[in-house]
Amino acid sequence: MPLNQLLASQPYPVERALKTVGGNLRTARIRRGLTVVAAAQKIGTGYRAVMEAERGKPSTGVAVYAALLWLYDLLPAFEDLANSLKDAHGLALARRKQPMRARKARGLDNDF
């Protein structure tokens, strides 16, 4: 059994998303006229890490993906991932857990 099962076999939607992001990163690099080696040098990593990110390899560190997004001026979209204000399901769950009514206010005392 592999040490990390997620790296050995991801859920299909995860695998597809990584490949899509990788392809988008490759397109962004090419549009900017950068080679893999130049992109790697600019973010301070080896060319292999850039190649693996562009292939959507799951073991590539998230820092490589984030640095490439930064290099291509695409980081704001990454920062918006998992935005708690856009999490409809999480917001609905939070509303369910809130009390239905407020407690009755107790009178103030003058004990200072």
PDB file of N, CA and C in Angstrom:
ATOM      1  N   MET A   1       0.843  -1.179   0.000  1.00  0.00           N
ATOM      2  CA  MET A   1       0.000   0.000   0.000  1.00  0.00           C
ATOM      3  C   MET A   1       0.889   1.244   0.000  1.00  0.00           C
ATOM      4  N   PRO A   2       0.604   2.208  -0.896  1.00  0.00           N
ATOM      5  CA  PRO A   2       1.431   3.417  -0.944  1.00  0.00           C
ATOM      6  C   PRO A   2       1.331   4.218   0.349  1.00  0.00           C
ATOM      7  N   LEU A   3       2.391   4.952   0.620  1.00  0.00           N
ATOM      8  CA  LEU A   3       2.442   5.757   1.829  1.00  0.00           C
ATOM      9  C   LEU A   3       1.331   6.799   1.846  1.00  0.00           C
ATOM     10  N   ASN A   4       1.078   7.443   0.742  1.00  0.00           N
ATOM     11  CA  ASN A   4       0.027   8.444   0.647  1.00  0.00           C
ATOM     12  C   ASN A   4      -0.920   8.026  -0.470  1.00  0.00           C
ATOM     13  N   GLN A   5      -2.069   7.518  -0.108  1.00  0.00           N
ATOM     14  CA  GLN A   5      -3.013   7.013  -1.103  1.00  0.00           C
ATOM     15  C   GLN A   5      -3.528   8.112  -2.019  1.00  0.00           C
ATOM     16  N   LEU A   6      -3.629   9.326  -1.503  1.00  0.00           N
ATOM     17  CA  LEU A   6      -4.113  10.431  -2.331  1.00  0.00           C
ATOM     18  C   LEU A   6      -3.175  10.689  -3.506  1.00  0.00           C
ATOM     19  N   LEU A   7      -1.875  10.559  -3.280  1.00  0.00           N
ATOM     20  CA  LEU A   7      -0.921  10.769  -4.378  1.00  0.00           C
ATOM     21  C   LEU A   7      -0.977   9.627  -5.379  1.00  0.00           C
ATOM     22  N   ALA A   8      -1.303   8.433  -4.907  1.00  0.00           N
ATOM     23  CA  ALA A   8      -1.361   7.281  -5.796  1.00  0.00           C
ATOM     24  C   ALA A   8      -2.612   7.314  -6.670  1.00  0.00           C
ATOM     25  N   SER A   9      -3.712   7.770  -6.111  1.00  0.00           N
ATOM     26  CA  SER A   9      -4.971   7.778  -6.844  1.00  0.00           C
ATOM     27  C   SER A   9      -5.900   8.840  -6.271  1.00  0.00           C
ATOM     28  N   GLN A  10      -6.052   9.939  -7.005  1.00  0.00           N
ATOM     29  CA  GLN A  10      -6.916  11.022  -6.559  1.00  0.00           C
ATOM     30  C   GLN A  10      -8.337  10.765  -7.046  1.00  0.00           C
ATOM     31  N   PRO A  11      -9.304  11.387  -6.364  1.00  0.00           N
ATOM     32  CA  PRO A  11     -10.652  11.378  -6.942  1.00  0.00           C
ATOM     33  C   PRO A  11     -10.600  12.035  -8.321  1.00  0.00           C
ATOM     34  N   TYR A  12     -11.398  11.526  -9.250  1.00  0.00           N
ATOM     35  CA  TYR A  12     -11.335  12.022 -10.620  1.00  0.00           C
ATOM     36  C   TYR A  12     -11.491  13.538 -10.723  1.00  0.00           C
ATOM     37  N   PRO A  13     -12.441  14.165 -10.001  1.00  0.00           N
ATOM     38  CA  PRO A  13     -12.552  15.629 -10.108  1.00  0.00           C
ATOM     39  C   PRO A  13     -11.277  16.352  -9.665  1.00  0.00           C
ATOM     40  N   VAL A  14     -10.568  15.807  -8.694  1.00  0.00           N
ATOM     41  CA  VAL A  14      -9.314  16.416  -8.234  1.00  0.00           C
ATOM     42  C   VAL A  14      -8.257  16.282  -9.321  1.00  0.00           C
ATOM     43  N   GLU A  15      -8.147  15.099  -9.887  1.00  0.00           N
ATOM     44  CA  GLU A  15      -7.173  14.861 -10.958  1.00  0.00           C
ATOM     45  C   GLU A  15      -7.434  15.792 -12.145  1.00  0.00           C
ATOM     46  N   ARG A  16      -8.703  15.902 -12.521  1.00  0.00           N
ATOM     47  CA  ARG A  16      -9.080  16.766 -13.652  1.00  0.00           C
ATOM     48  C   ARG A  16      -8.761  18.230 -13.359  1.00  0.00           C
ATOM     49  N   ALA A  17      -9.060  18.683 -12.131  1.00  0.00           N
ATOM     50  CA  ALA A  17      -8.794  20.078 -11.762  1.00  0.00           C
ATOM     51  C   ALA A  17      -7.299  20.382 -11.799  1.00  0.00           C
ATOM     52  N   LEU A  18      -6.480  19.462 -11.287  1.00  0.00           N
ATOM     53  CA  LEU A  18      -5.026  19.670 -11.305  1.00  0.00           C
ATOM     54  C   LEU A  18      -4.505  19.748 -12.730  1.00  0.00           C
ATOM     55  N   LYS A  19      -4.995  18.894 -13.590  1.00  0.00           N
ATOM     56  CA  LYS A  19      -4.550  18.920 -14.992  1.00  0.00           C
ATOM     57  C   LYS A  19      -5.005  20.207 -15.680  1.00  0.00           C
ATOM     58  N   THR A  20      -6.200  20.674 -15.358  1.00  0.00           N
ATOM     59  CA  THR A  20      -6.695  21.919 -15.941  1.00  0.00           C
ATOM     60  C   THR A  20      -5.848  23.098 -15.487  1.00  0.00           C
ATOM     61  N   VAL A  21      -5.565  23.167 -14.184  1.00  0.00           N
ATOM     62  CA  VAL A  21      -4.724  24.250 -13.662  1.00  0.00           C
ATOM     63  C   VAL A  21      -3.337  24.180 -14.292  1.00  0.00           C
ATOM     64  N   GLY A  22      -2.788  22.986 -14.375  1.00  0.00           N
ATOM     65  CA  GLY A  22      -1.475  22.822 -14.986  1.00  0.00           C
ATOM     66  C   GLY A  22      -1.448  23.302 -16.428  1.00  0.00           C
ATOM     67  N   GLY A  23      -2.464  22.934 -17.190  1.00  0.00           N
ATOM     68  CA  GLY A  23      -2.551  23.383 -18.578  1.00  0.00           C
ATOM     69  C   GLY A  23      -2.688  24.890 -18.678  1.00  0.00           C
ATOM     70  N   ASN A  24      -3.463  25.463 -17.758  1.00  0.00           N
ATOM     71  CA  ASN A  24      -3.617  26.918 -17.742  1.00  0.00           C
ATOM     72  C   ASN A  24      -2.300  27.611 -17.408  1.00  0.00           C
ATOM     73  N   LEU A  25      -1.540  27.039 -16.494  1.00  0.00           N
ATOM     74  CA  LEU A  25      -0.229  27.606 -16.156  1.00  0.00           C
ATOM     75  C   LEU A  25       0.707  27.551 -17.362  1.00  0.00           C
ATOM     76  N   ARG A  26       0.676  26.446 -18.084  1.00  0.00           N
ATOM     77  CA  ARG A  26       1.523  26.307 -19.275  1.00  0.00           C
ATOM     78  C   ARG A  26       1.142  27.355 -20.323  1.00  0.00           C
ATOM     79  N   THR A  27      -0.151  27.522 -20.541  1.00  0.00           N
ATOM     80  CA  THR A  27      -0.629  28.519 -21.499  1.00  0.00           C
ATOM     81  C   THR A  27      -0.177  29.920 -21.076  1.00  0.00           C
ATOM     82  N   ALA A  28      -0.300  30.226 -19.793  1.00  0.00           N
ATOM     83  CA  ALA A  28       0.111  31.547 -19.293  1.00  0.00           C
ATOM     84  C   ALA A  28       1.605  31.764 -19.509  1.00  0.00           C
ATOM     85  N   ARG A  29       2.410  30.729 -19.268  1.00  0.00           N
ATOM     86  CA  ARG A  29       3.866  30.850 -19.462  1.00  0.00           C
ATOM     87  C   ARG A  29       4.200  31.103 -20.923  1.00  0.00           C
ATOM     88  N   ILE A  30       3.580  30.334 -21.792  1.00  0.00           N
ATOM     89  CA  ILE A  30       3.860  30.466 -23.224  1.00  0.00           C
ATOM     90  C   ILE A  30       3.425  31.837 -23.733  1.00  0.00           C
ATOM     91  N   ARG A  31       2.262  32.303 -23.300  1.00  0.00           N
ATOM     92  CA  ARG A  31       1.779  33.621 -23.732  1.00  0.00           C
ATOM     93  C   ARG A  31       2.726  34.733 -23.307  1.00  0.00           C
ATOM     94  N   ARG A  32       3.431  34.527 -22.207  1.00  0.00           N
ATOM     95  CA  ARG A  32       4.366  35.536 -21.711  1.00  0.00           C
ATOM     96  C   ARG A  32       5.756  35.364 -22.309  1.00  0.00           C
ATOM     97  N   GLY A  33       5.902  34.375 -23.173  1.00  0.00           N
ATOM     98  CA  GLY A  33       7.172  34.163 -23.859  1.00  0.00           C
ATOM     99  C   GLY A  33       8.278  33.637 -22.957  1.00  0.00           C
ATOM    100  N   LEU A  34       7.909  32.908 -21.917  1.00  0.00           N
ATOM    101  CA  LEU A  34       8.907  32.369 -20.986  1.00  0.00           C
ATOM    102  C   LEU A  34       9.153  30.899 -21.262  1.00  0.00           C
ATOM    103  N   THR A  35      10.393  30.485 -21.099  1.00  0.00           N
ATOM    104  CA  THR A  35      10.706  29.061 -21.140  1.00  0.00           C
ATOM    105  C   THR A  35      10.462  28.476 -19.757  1.00  0.00           C
ATOM    106  N   VAL A  36      10.419  27.164 -19.673  1.00  0.00           N
ATOM    107  CA  VAL A  36      10.273  26.495 -18.381  1.00  0.00           C
ATOM    108  C   VAL A  36      11.434  26.884 -17.473  1.00  0.00           C
ATOM    109  N   VAL A  37      12.634  26.915 -18.024  1.00  0.00           N
ATOM    110  CA  VAL A  37      13.823  27.254 -17.240  1.00  0.00           C
ATOM    111  C   VAL A  37      13.742  28.689 -16.729  1.00  0.00           C
ATOM    112  N   ALA A  38      13.307  29.625 -17.576  1.00  0.00           N
ATOM    113  CA  ALA A  38      13.199  31.024 -17.151  1.00  0.00           C
ATOM    114  C   ALA A  38      12.153  31.178 -16.059  1.00  0.00           C
ATOM    115  N   ALA A  39      11.009  30.515 -16.189  1.00  0.00           N
ATOM    116  CA  ALA A  39       9.965  30.589 -15.166  1.00  0.00           C
ATOM    117  C   ALA A  39      10.481  30.021 -13.848  1.00  0.00           C
ATOM    118  N   ALA A  40      11.199  28.915 -13.929  1.00  0.00           N
ATOM    119  CA  ALA A  40      11.751  28.287 -12.723  1.00  0.00           C
ATOM    120  C   ALA A  40      12.746  29.211 -12.039  1.00  0.00           C
ATOM    121  N   GLN A  41      13.603  29.842 -12.803  1.00  0.00           N
ATOM    122  CA  GLN A  41      14.585  30.766 -12.227  1.00  0.00           C
ATOM    123  C   GLN A  41      13.902  31.950 -11.553  1.00  0.00           C
ATOM    124  N   LYS A  42      12.844  32.459 -12.166  1.00  0.00           N
ATOM    125  CA  LYS A  42      12.163  33.632 -11.617  1.00  0.00           C
ATOM    126  C   LYS A  42      11.458  33.333 -10.293  1.00  0.00           C
ATOM    127  N   ILE A  43      11.004  32.092 -10.105  1.00  0.00           N
ATOM    128  CA  ILE A  43      10.346  31.762  -8.836  1.00  0.00           C
ATOM    129  C   ILE A  43      11.268  31.038  -7.863  1.00  0.00           C
ATOM    130  N   GLY A  44      12.485  30.771  -8.305  1.00  0.00           N
ATOM    131  CA  GLY A  44      13.480  30.183  -7.404  1.00  0.00           C
ATOM    132  C   GLY A  44      13.338  28.690  -7.187  1.00  0.00           C
ATOM    133  N   THR A  45      13.013  27.971  -8.241  1.00  0.00           N
ATOM    134  CA  THR A  45      12.911  26.510  -8.143  1.00  0.00           C
ATOM    135  C   THR A  45      13.540  25.891  -9.373  1.00  0.00           C
ATOM    136  N   GLY A  46      13.539  24.588  -9.433  1.00  0.00           N
ATOM    137  CA  GLY A  46      14.089  23.895 -10.581  1.00  0.00           C
ATOM    138  C   GLY A  46      13.074  23.774 -11.703  1.00  0.00           C
ATOM    139  N   TYR A  47      13.562  23.584 -12.916  1.00  0.00           N
ATOM    140  CA  TYR A  47      12.669  23.495 -14.073  1.00  0.00           C
ATOM    141  C   TYR A  47      11.725  22.311 -13.963  1.00  0.00           C
ATOM    142  N   ARG A  48      12.173  21.265 -13.288  1.00  0.00           N
ATOM    143  CA  ARG A  48      11.337  20.061 -13.146  1.00  0.00           C
ATOM    144  C   ARG A  48      10.054  20.360 -12.367  1.00  0.00           C
ATOM    145  N   ALA A  49      10.154  21.204 -11.335  1.00  0.00           N
ATOM    146  CA  ALA A  49       8.974  21.556 -10.539  1.00  0.00           C
ATOM    147  C   ALA A  49       7.952  22.297 -11.408  1.00  0.00           C
ATOM    148  N   VAL A  50       8.430  23.159 -12.290  1.00  0.00           N
ATOM    149  CA  VAL A  50       7.533  23.884 -13.193  1.00  0.00           C
ATOM    150  C   VAL A  50       6.879  22.907 -14.164  1.00  0.00           C
ATOM    151  N   MET A  51       7.654  22.007 -14.715  1.00  0.00           N
ATOM    152  CA  MET A  51       7.117  21.008 -15.642  1.00  0.00           C
ATOM    153  C   MET A  51       6.058  20.151 -14.957  1.00  0.00           C
ATOM    154  N   GLU A  52       6.327  19.738 -13.720  1.00  0.00           N
ATOM    155  CA  GLU A  52       5.376  18.894 -12.999  1.00  0.00           C
ATOM    156  C   GLU A  52       4.101  19.663 -12.659  1.00  0.00           C
ATOM    157  N   ALA A  53       4.223  20.933 -12.325  1.00  0.00           N
ATOM    158  CA  ALA A  53       3.035  21.754 -12.068  1.00  0.00           C
ATOM    159  C   ALA A  53       2.205  21.882 -13.342  1.00  0.00           C
ATOM    160  N   GLU A  54       2.859  22.068 -14.450  1.00  0.00           N
ATOM    161  CA  GLU A  54       2.154  22.214 -15.727  1.00  0.00           C
ATOM    162  C   GLU A  54       1.484  20.917 -16.155  1.00  0.00           C
ATOM    163  N   ARG A  55       1.951  19.805 -15.648  1.00  0.00           N
ATOM    164  CA  ARG A  55       1.319  18.505 -15.924  1.00  0.00           C
ATOM    165  C   ARG A  55       0.218  18.207 -14.910  1.00  0.00           C
ATOM    166  N   GLY A  56       0.136  19.013 -13.864  1.00  0.00           N
ATOM    167  CA  GLY A  56      -0.860  18.781 -12.828  1.00  0.00           C
ATOM    168  C   GLY A  56      -0.516  17.642 -11.905  1.00  0.00           C
ATOM    169  N   LYS A  57       0.771  17.436 -11.704  1.00  0.00           N
ATOM    170  CA  LYS A  57       1.218  16.343 -10.841  1.00  0.00           C
ATOM    171  C   LYS A  57       0.812  16.639  -9.389  1.00  0.00           C
ATOM    172  N   PRO A  58       0.102  15.720  -8.729  1.00  0.00           N
ATOM    173  CA  PRO A  58      -0.422  15.988  -7.388  1.00  0.00           C
ATOM    174  C   PRO A  58       0.635  16.149  -6.307  1.00  0.00           C
ATOM    175  N   SER A  59       1.811  15.630  -6.511  1.00  0.00           N
ATOM    176  CA  SER A  59       2.843  15.753  -5.475  1.00  0.00           C
ATOM    177  C   SER A  59       3.596  17.081  -5.545  1.00  0.00           C
ATOM    178  N   THR A  60       3.315  17.897  -6.561  1.00  0.00           N
ATOM    179  CA  THR A  60       3.949  19.207  -6.666  1.00  0.00           C
ATOM    180  C   THR A  60       3.424  20.089  -5.541  1.00  0.00           C
ATOM    181  N   GLY A  61       4.322  20.755  -4.859  1.00  0.00           N
ATOM    182  CA  GLY A  61       3.945  21.582  -3.725  1.00  0.00           C
ATOM    183  C   GLY A  61       3.068  22.747  -4.133  1.00  0.00           C
ATOM    184  N   VAL A  62       2.142  23.081  -3.255  1.00  0.00           N
ATOM    185  CA  VAL A  62       1.230  24.190  -3.526  1.00  0.00           C
ATOM    186  C   VAL A  62       2.006  25.499  -3.670  1.00  0.00           C
ATOM    187  N   ALA A  63       3.171  25.595  -3.055  1.00  0.00           N
ATOM    188  CA  ALA A  63       3.984  26.805  -3.172  1.00  0.00           C
ATOM    189  C   ALA A  63       4.450  27.018  -4.611  1.00  0.00           C
ATOM    190  N   VAL A  64       4.699  25.935  -5.332  1.00  0.00           N
ATOM    191  CA  VAL A  64       5.105  26.064  -6.737  1.00  0.00           C
ATOM    192  C   VAL A  64       3.942  26.617  -7.557  1.00  0.00           C
ATOM    193  N   TYR A  65       2.749  26.051  -7.338  1.00  0.00           N
ATOM    194  CA  TYR A  65       1.565  26.554  -8.047  1.00  0.00           C
ATOM    195  C   TYR A  65       1.344  28.038  -7.721  1.00  0.00           C
ATOM    196  N   ALA A  66       1.412  28.395  -6.437  1.00  0.00           N
ATOM    197  CA  ALA A  66       1.178  29.784  -6.017  1.00  0.00           C
ATOM    198  C   ALA A  66       2.233  30.717  -6.601  1.00  0.00           C
ATOM    199  N   ALA A  67       3.482  30.287  -6.608  1.00  0.00           N
ATOM    200  CA  ALA A  67       4.555  31.133  -7.152  1.00  0.00           C
ATOM    201  C   ALA A  67       4.375  31.346  -8.652  1.00  0.00           C
ATOM    202  N   LEU A  68       3.963  30.316  -9.366  1.00  0.00           N
ATOM    203  CA  LEU A  68       3.720  30.474 -10.804  1.00  0.00           C
ATOM    204  C   LEU A  68       2.548  31.411 -11.048  1.00  0.00           C
ATOM    205  N   LEU A  69       1.511  31.291 -10.254  1.00  0.00           N
ATOM    206  CA  LEU A  69       0.379  32.214 -10.382  1.00  0.00           C
ATOM    207  C   LEU A  69       0.826  33.653 -10.113  1.00  0.00           C
ATOM    208  N   TRP A  70       1.678  33.821  -9.123  1.00  0.00           N
ATOM    209  CA  TRP A  70       2.230  35.152  -8.822  1.00  0.00           C
ATOM    210  C   TRP A  70       3.034  35.672 -10.009  1.00  0.00           C
ATOM    211  N   LEU A  71       3.883  34.820 -10.561  1.00  0.00           N
ATOM    212  CA  LEU A  71       4.727  35.207 -11.689  1.00  0.00           C
ATOM    213  C   LEU A  71       3.884  35.681 -12.872  1.00  0.00           C
ATOM    214  N   TYR A  72       2.748  35.026 -13.088  1.00  0.00           N
ATOM    215  CA  TYR A  72       1.894  35.356 -14.229  1.00  0.00           C
ATOM    216  C   TYR A  72       0.800  36.376 -13.861  1.00  0.00           C
ATOM    217  N   ASP A  73       0.920  37.008 -12.703  1.00  0.00           N
ATOM    218  CA  ASP A  73      -0.067  37.993 -12.223  1.00  0.00           C
ATOM    219  C   ASP A  73      -1.473  37.407 -12.124  1.00  0.00           C
ATOM    220  N   LEU A  74      -1.563  36.160 -11.688  1.00  0.00           N
ATOM    221  CA  LEU A  74      -2.848  35.481 -11.532  1.00  0.00           C
ATOM    222  C   LEU A  74      -3.133  35.101 -10.076  1.00  0.00           C
ATOM    223  N   LEU A  75      -2.325  35.606  -9.165  1.00  0.00           N
ATOM    224  CA  LEU A  75      -2.460  35.215  -7.756  1.00  0.00           C
ATOM    225  C   LEU A  75      -3.780  35.639  -7.109  1.00  0.00           C
ATOM    226  N   PRO A  76      -4.395  36.776  -7.461  1.00  0.00           N
ATOM    227  CA  PRO A  76      -5.666  37.138  -6.814  1.00  0.00           C
ATOM    228  C   PRO A  76      -6.736  36.048  -6.921  1.00  0.00           C
ATOM    229  N   ALA A  77      -6.789  35.357  -8.034  1.00  0.00           N
ATOM    230  CA  ALA A  77      -7.765  34.271  -8.172  1.00  0.00           C
ATOM    231  C   ALA A  77      -7.466  33.148  -7.178  1.00  0.00           C
ATOM    232  N   PHE A  78      -6.212  32.879  -6.930  1.00  0.00           N
ATOM    233  CA  PHE A  78      -5.812  31.849  -5.965  1.00  0.00           C
ATOM    234  C   PHE A  78      -6.200  32.262  -4.554  1.00  0.00           C
ATOM    235  N   GLU A  79      -6.021  33.549  -4.249  1.00  0.00           N
ATOM    236  CA  GLU A  79      -6.355  34.045  -2.917  1.00  0.00           C
ATOM    237  C   GLU A  79      -7.849  33.949  -2.644  1.00  0.00           C
ATOM    238  N   ASP A  80      -8.662  33.907  -3.691  1.00  0.00           N
ATOM    239  CA  ASP A  80     -10.113  33.841  -3.530  1.00  0.00           C
ATOM    240  C   ASP A  80     -10.622  32.404  -3.372  1.00  0.00           C
ATOM    241  N   LEU A  81      -9.743  31.425  -3.505  1.00  0.00           N
ATOM    242  CA  LEU A  81     -10.160  30.031  -3.325  1.00  0.00           C
ATOM    243  C   LEU A  81     -10.677  29.821  -1.908  1.00  0.00           C
ATOM    244  N   ALA A  82     -11.703  29.046  -1.784  1.00  0.00           N
ATOM    245  CA  ALA A  82     -12.297  28.694  -0.486  1.00  0.00           C
ATOM    246  C   ALA A  82     -12.695  29.935   0.313  1.00  0.00           C
ATOM    247  N   ASN A  83     -13.121  30.975  -0.391  1.00  0.00           N
ATOM    248  CA  ASN A  83     -13.570  32.205   0.254  1.00  0.00           C
ATOM    249  C   ASN A  83     -14.780  31.878   1.118  1.00  0.00           C
ATOM    250  N   SER A  84     -14.667  32.107   2.415  1.00  0.00           N
ATOM    251  CA  SER A  84     -15.732  31.735   3.345  1.00  0.00           C
ATOM    252  C   SER A  84     -17.018  32.502   3.076  1.00  0.00           C
ATOM    253  N   LEU A  85     -16.929  33.660   2.448  1.00  0.00           N
ATOM    254  CA  LEU A  85     -18.135  34.427   2.143  1.00  0.00           C
ATOM    255  C   LEU A  85     -18.875  33.889   0.918  1.00  0.00           C
ATOM    256  N   LYS A  86     -18.202  33.036   0.130  1.00  0.00           N
ATOM    257  CA  LYS A  86     -18.813  32.450  -1.049  1.00  0.00           C
ATOM    258  C   LYS A  86     -19.155  30.971  -0.851  1.00  0.00           C
ATOM    259  N   ASP A  87     -18.971  30.468   0.352  1.00  0.00           N
ATOM    260  CA  ASP A  87     -19.221  29.064   0.674  1.00  0.00           C
ATOM    261  C   ASP A  87     -20.685  28.887   1.068  1.00  0.00           C
ATOM    262  N   ALA A  88     -21.547  28.717   0.073  1.00  0.00           N
ATOM    263  CA  ALA A  88     -22.984  28.642   0.325  1.00  0.00           C
ATOM    264  C   ALA A  88     -23.337  27.510   1.283  1.00  0.00           C
ATOM    265  N   HIS A  89     -22.741  26.353   1.091  1.00  0.00           N
ATOM    266  CA  HIS A  89     -23.031  25.210   1.962  1.00  0.00           C
ATOM    267  C   HIS A  89     -22.575  25.484   3.390  1.00  0.00           C
ATOM    268  N   GLY A  90     -21.369  25.995   3.548  1.00  0.00           N
ATOM    269  CA  GLY A  90     -20.851  26.309   4.887  1.00  0.00           C
ATOM    270  C   GLY A  90     -21.669  27.393   5.571  1.00  0.00           C
ATOM    271  N   LEU A  91     -22.093  28.402   4.822  1.00  0.00           N
ATOM    272  CA  LEU A  91     -22.923  29.461   5.393  1.00  0.00           C
ATOM    273  C   LEU A  91     -24.270  28.913   5.842  1.00  0.00           C
ATOM    274  N   ALA A  92     -24.843  28.010   5.048  1.00  0.00           N
ATOM    275  CA  ALA A  92     -26.123  27.404   5.430  1.00  0.00           C
ATOM    276  C   ALA A  92     -25.969  26.581   6.703  1.00  0.00           C
ATOM    277  N   LEU A  93     -24.888  25.836   6.814  1.00  0.00           N
ATOM    278  CA  LEU A  93     -24.643  25.059   8.033  1.00  0.00           C
ATOM    279  C   LEU A  93     -24.464  25.965   9.238  1.00  0.00           C
ATOM    280  N   ALA A  94     -23.764  27.065   9.049  1.00  0.00           N
ATOM    281  CA  ALA A  94     -23.544  28.004  10.158  1.00  0.00           C
ATOM    282  C   ALA A  94     -24.864  28.622  10.614  1.00  0.00           C
ATOM    283  N   ARG A  95     -25.736  28.931   9.663  1.00  0.00           N
ATOM    284  CA  ARG A  95     -27.040  29.506  10.025  1.00  0.00           C
ATOM    285  C   ARG A  95     -27.878  28.510  10.810  1.00  0.00           C
ATOM    286  N   ARG A  96     -27.786  27.225  10.447  1.00  0.00           N
ATOM    287  CA  ARG A  96     -28.556  26.206  11.170  1.00  0.00           C
ATOM    288  C   ARG A  96     -28.117  26.085  12.611  1.00  0.00           C
ATOM    289  N   LYS A  97     -26.850  26.337  12.876  1.00  0.00           N
ATOM    290  CA  LYS A  97     -26.306  26.184  14.226  1.00  0.00           C
ATOM    291  C   LYS A  97     -26.562  27.405  15.098  1.00  0.00           C
ATOM    292  N   GLN A  98     -26.965  28.506  14.513  1.00  0.00           N
ATOM    293  CA  GLN A  98     -27.215  29.714  15.291  1.00  0.00           C
ATOM    294  C   GLN A  98     -28.521  29.548  16.065  1.00  0.00           C
ATOM    295  N   PRO A  99     -28.586  30.112  17.260  1.00  0.00           N
ATOM    296  CA  PRO A  99     -29.822  30.001  18.034  1.00  0.00           C
ATOM    297  C   PRO A  99     -30.978  30.665  17.286  1.00  0.00           C
ATOM    298  N   MET A 100     -32.150  30.085  17.449  1.00  0.00           N
ATOM    299  CA  MET A 100     -33.334  30.603  16.777  1.00  0.00           C
ATOM    300  C   MET A 100     -33.805  31.922  17.383  1.00  0.00           C
ATOM    301  N   ARG A 101     -33.556  32.115  18.665  1.00  0.00           N
ATOM    302  CA  ARG A 101     -33.964  33.357  19.310  1.00  0.00           C
ATOM    303  C   ARG A 101     -32.916  33.751  20.333  1.00  0.00           C
ATOM    304  N   ALA A 102     -32.900  35.002  20.625  1.00  0.00           N
ATOM    305  CA  ALA A 102     -31.941  35.503  21.604  1.00  0.00           C
ATOM    306  C   ALA A 102     -32.488  35.267  23.003  1.00  0.00           C
ATOM    307  N   ARG A 103     -31.599  35.141  23.952  1.00  0.00           N
ATOM    308  CA  ARG A 103     -32.030  35.003  25.348  1.00  0.00           C
ATOM    309  C   ARG A 103     -32.654  36.303  25.827  1.00  0.00           C
ATOM    310  N   LYS A 104     -33.569  36.150  26.748  1.00  0.00           N
ATOM    311  CA  LYS A 104     -34.212  37.314  27.330  1.00  0.00           C
ATOM    312  C   LYS A 104     -33.175  38.093  28.134  1.00  0.00           C
ATOM    313  N   ALA A 105     -33.133  39.378  27.899  1.00  0.00           N
ATOM    314  CA  ALA A 105     -32.154  40.222  28.595  1.00  0.00           C
ATOM    315  C   ALA A 105     -32.468  40.277  30.065  1.00  0.00           C
ATOM    316  N   ARG A 106     -31.424  40.168  30.853  1.00  0.00           N
ATOM    317  CA  ARG A 106     -31.582  40.335  32.296  1.00  0.00           C
ATOM    318  C   ARG A 106     -31.491  41.820  32.616  1.00  0.00           C
ATOM    319  N   GLY A 107     -32.180  42.206  33.648  1.00  0.00           N
ATOM    320  CA  GLY A 107     -32.133  43.609  34.038  1.00  0.00           C
ATOM    321  C   GLY A 107     -30.750  44.006  34.518  1.00  0.00           C
ATOM    322  N   LEU A 108     -30.410  45.234  34.340  1.00  0.00           N
ATOM    323  CA  LEU A 108     -29.122  45.752  34.795  1.00  0.00           C
ATOM    324  C   LEU A 108     -29.168  45.956  36.304  1.00  0.00           C
ATOM    325  N   ASP A 109     -28.067  45.678  36.938  1.00  0.00           N
ATOM    326  CA  ASP A 109     -28.017  46.001  38.372  1.00  0.00           C
ATOM    327  C   ASP A 109     -27.124  47.205  38.572  1.00  0.00           C
ATOM    328  N   ASN A 110     -27.284  47.844  39.661  1.00  0.00           N
ATOM    329  CA  ASN A 110     -26.505  49.043  39.951  1.00  0.00           C
ATOM    330  C   ASN A 110     -25.348  48.739  40.885  1.00  0.00           C
ATOM    331  N   ASP A 111     -24.887  47.530  40.870  1.00  0.00           N
ATOM    332  CA  ASP A 111     -23.812  47.105  41.744  1.00  0.00           C
ATOM    333  C   ASP A 111     -22.472  47.407  41.084  1.00  0.00           C
ATOM    334  N   PHE A 112     -21.824  48.476  41.514  1.00  0.00           N
ATOM    335  CA  PHE A 112     -20.536  48.863  40.937  1.00  0.00           C
ATOM    336  C   PHE A 112     -19.456  48.556  41.872  1.00  0.00           C
TER     337      PHE A 112
END
